[in-house]
Protein backbone atom coordinates (compact mmCIF):
# COMPACT_ATOMS: atom_id res chain seq x y z
CA MET A 1 11.91 37.73 -7.99
CA MET A 2 9.54 35.54 -5.73
CA ALA A 3 10.89 31.93 -6.07
CA VAL A 4 7.78 29.04 -7.38
CA LYS A 5 7.15 26.82 -4.23
CA ALA A 6 7.57 22.82 -4.75
CA PRO A 7 5.10 20.99 -5.02
CA HIS A 8 5.04 19.84 -0.80
CA ARG A 9 2.37 17.33 -0.26
CA ILE A 10 1.24 13.93 -2.86
CA LEU A 11 -2.62 14.26 -2.95
CA HIS A 12 -3.57 10.95 -4.64
CA THR A 13 -2.96 7.73 -7.09
CA MET A 14 -5.15 6.80 -9.17
CA LEU A 15 -6.37 3.68 -10.27
CA ARG A 16 -8.40 2.57 -13.41
CA VAL A 17 -10.72 -0.19 -12.32
CA SER A 18 -12.87 -2.35 -14.44
CA ASP A 19 -16.11 -2.62 -11.91
CA LEU A 20 -16.25 -0.04 -9.38
CA ASP A 21 -18.68 -1.32 -7.54
CA THR A 22 -16.66 -4.30 -6.78
CA SER A 23 -13.63 -2.29 -6.42
CA LEU A 24 -15.19 0.19 -4.12
CA GLU A 25 -16.70 -2.84 -1.95
CA PHE A 26 -12.63 -4.27 -1.79
CA TYR A 27 -11.30 -1.35 -0.69
CA ILE A 28 -14.22 -0.35 1.90
CA GLU A 29 -14.43 -3.65 3.22
CA ARG A 30 -11.74 -5.70 3.05
CA LEU A 31 -9.33 -2.93 3.88
CA GLY A 32 -11.27 -0.44 6.25
CA MET A 33 -11.03 2.65 3.39
CA ARG A 34 -14.00 5.77 3.86
CA LEU A 35 -15.23 7.04 0.69
CA LEU A 36 -14.68 10.30 0.61
CA ARG A 37 -16.47 11.65 -2.54
CA ARG A 38 -17.55 10.00 -5.57
CA GLN A 39 -18.64 12.52 -8.81
CA ARG A 40 -20.04 11.28 -12.37
CA TYR A 41 -18.65 13.04 -15.30
CA GLU A 42 -21.49 12.12 -17.84
CA SER A 43 -19.73 14.03 -20.76
CA GLY A 44 -17.01 12.08 -20.02
CA CYS A 45 -18.67 8.68 -19.53
CA PHE A 46 -16.55 7.94 -16.26
CA THR A 47 -16.65 8.34 -12.83
CA LEU A 48 -14.53 9.05 -9.73
CA ALA A 49 -14.49 7.60 -6.57
CA PHE A 50 -12.42 9.16 -4.09
CA LEU A 51 -10.81 6.49 -0.70
CA GLY A 52 -8.90 6.84 2.26
CA TYR A 53 -8.40 6.79 5.94
CA GLY A 54 -8.58 10.38 6.88
CA GLU A 55 -9.93 13.58 5.14
CA GLU A 56 -8.60 14.67 1.72
CA SER A 57 -7.06 17.63 3.12
CA ASP A 58 -4.62 15.40 5.30
CA VAL A 59 -3.47 12.87 3.81
CA THR A 60 -2.78 10.82 0.56
CA VAL A 61 -6.33 9.44 -1.15
CA LEU A 62 -6.79 6.82 -3.56
CA GLU A 63 -8.65 7.39 -6.54
CA LEU A 64 -10.61 5.01 -8.89
CA THR A 65 -11.11 5.55 -11.92
CA HIS A 66 -14.23 3.80 -13.81
CA ASN A 67 -14.49 4.72 -17.84
CA TRP A 68 -17.75 3.45 -18.24
CA ALA A 69 -17.42 2.03 -22.00
CA PRO A 70 -16.23 -1.61 -21.02
CA THR A 71 -12.15 -1.23 -20.59
CA ASN A 72 -9.75 -4.34 -20.09
CA TYR A 73 -6.29 -2.66 -18.92
CA GLU A 74 -3.35 -3.97 -18.96
CA LEU A 75 -1.05 -3.76 -15.56
CA GLY A 76 2.45 -2.91 -17.16
CA THR A 77 5.36 -3.49 -16.19
CA GLY A 78 5.92 0.00 -14.43
CA TYR A 79 3.14 0.12 -12.03
CA GLY A 80 4.62 -1.58 -8.67
CA HIS A 81 1.96 -1.22 -6.10
CA ILE A 82 0.09 0.67 -3.04
CA ALA A 83 1.57 0.50 0.32
CA LEU A 84 -0.88 0.45 3.73
CA ALA A 85 0.13 -0.31 7.22
CA VAL A 86 -1.60 -2.47 9.37
CA GLU A 87 -0.71 -3.20 12.79
CA ASP A 88 -1.21 -7.15 13.09
CA LEU A 89 -0.41 -8.58 9.47
CA ASP A 90 -0.58 -12.32 10.47
CA SER A 91 -4.32 -12.02 11.74
CA THR A 92 -5.15 -9.29 8.57
CA CYS A 93 -3.84 -11.72 6.32
CA LYS A 94 -5.78 -14.46 7.88
CA GLN A 95 -9.28 -12.42 7.49
CA LEU A 96 -8.81 -11.15 3.81
CA GLU A 97 -8.02 -14.46 2.69
CA ARG A 98 -11.29 -16.10 4.38
CA ASP A 99 -13.25 -12.96 2.54
CA GLY A 100 -11.31 -14.32 -0.27
CA VAL A 101 -8.73 -12.13 -1.23
CA PRO A 102 -5.89 -13.29 -3.03
CA ILE A 103 -2.46 -13.67 -0.82
CA LEU A 104 0.33 -13.07 -3.24
CA ARG A 105 3.15 -12.86 -0.70
CA ALA A 106 2.38 -14.48 2.98
CA PRO A 107 3.55 -12.20 6.10
CA GLY A 108 7.36 -12.45 6.37
CA PRO A 109 10.69 -10.79 6.90
CA MET A 110 11.73 -8.32 3.86
CA LYS A 111 14.01 -10.20 1.85
CA PHE A 112 16.79 -7.55 2.22
CA ASP A 113 15.09 -6.30 6.01
CA SER A 114 14.39 -8.60 8.51
CA LYS A 115 12.24 -6.17 10.42
CA GLU A 116 10.71 -5.46 8.17
CA ILE A 117 7.31 -7.62 7.81
CA ILE A 118 5.37 -7.57 4.56
CA ALA A 119 2.44 -9.51 2.45
CA PHE A 120 1.30 -8.71 -0.64
CA ILE A 121 -2.43 -9.02 -1.53
CA ALA A 122 -4.63 -8.49 -5.17
CA ASP A 123 -7.38 -6.08 -5.26
CA PRO A 124 -10.38 -7.08 -8.17
CA ASP A 125 -8.22 -5.51 -10.94
CA GLY A 126 -5.08 -7.24 -10.30
CA TYR A 127 -2.98 -4.42 -8.40
CA GLN A 128 -0.67 -5.84 -6.14
CA ILE A 129 -1.19 -4.05 -2.75
CA GLU A 130 2.02 -4.31 0.26
CA MET A 131 1.05 -4.54 3.82
CA ILE A 132 3.90 -3.18 5.76
CA GLU A 133 2.91 -4.48 9.82
CA ILE A 134 3.94 -1.18 11.75
CA ALA A 135 3.77 -1.37 15.44
CA ASN A 136 5.26 1.94 15.94
CA GLU A 137 6.22 4.72 14.02
CA SER A 138 10.12 3.84 13.54
CA LEU A 139 9.74 2.56 10.12
CA PHE A 140 9.22 6.36 9.14
CA VAL A 141 12.62 8.76 8.69
CA LYS A 142 11.88 11.53 10.41
């Protein structure tokens, strides 16, 4: 009997957004992501946009789902955050603040691991994004 292979990679994380154009501008212009593909589903009345820092075949990407009917989403208590790697957290936060992006937690050491420098921002829908200063790949377990 042949064993079923287990899943081996996270493909994407999906967020529902209230204004797709505003969200695309935020993730592309403020966070440097690239729009990989965008698809309108006329019969379903929604649009999907996939963004990322590389090709979908190589990296996990972000899926933004925009339902055309006006919807006010509640963020819920189960959602945590998206985490992004940055090289210079102080400079990145200063630029984002100049661009009007809310800084929820200023850059500084993580409470329980002073070697990890983090900050939190909010996207246009209020989703939290953690930014982690990655000077090298030592943060990642091999």
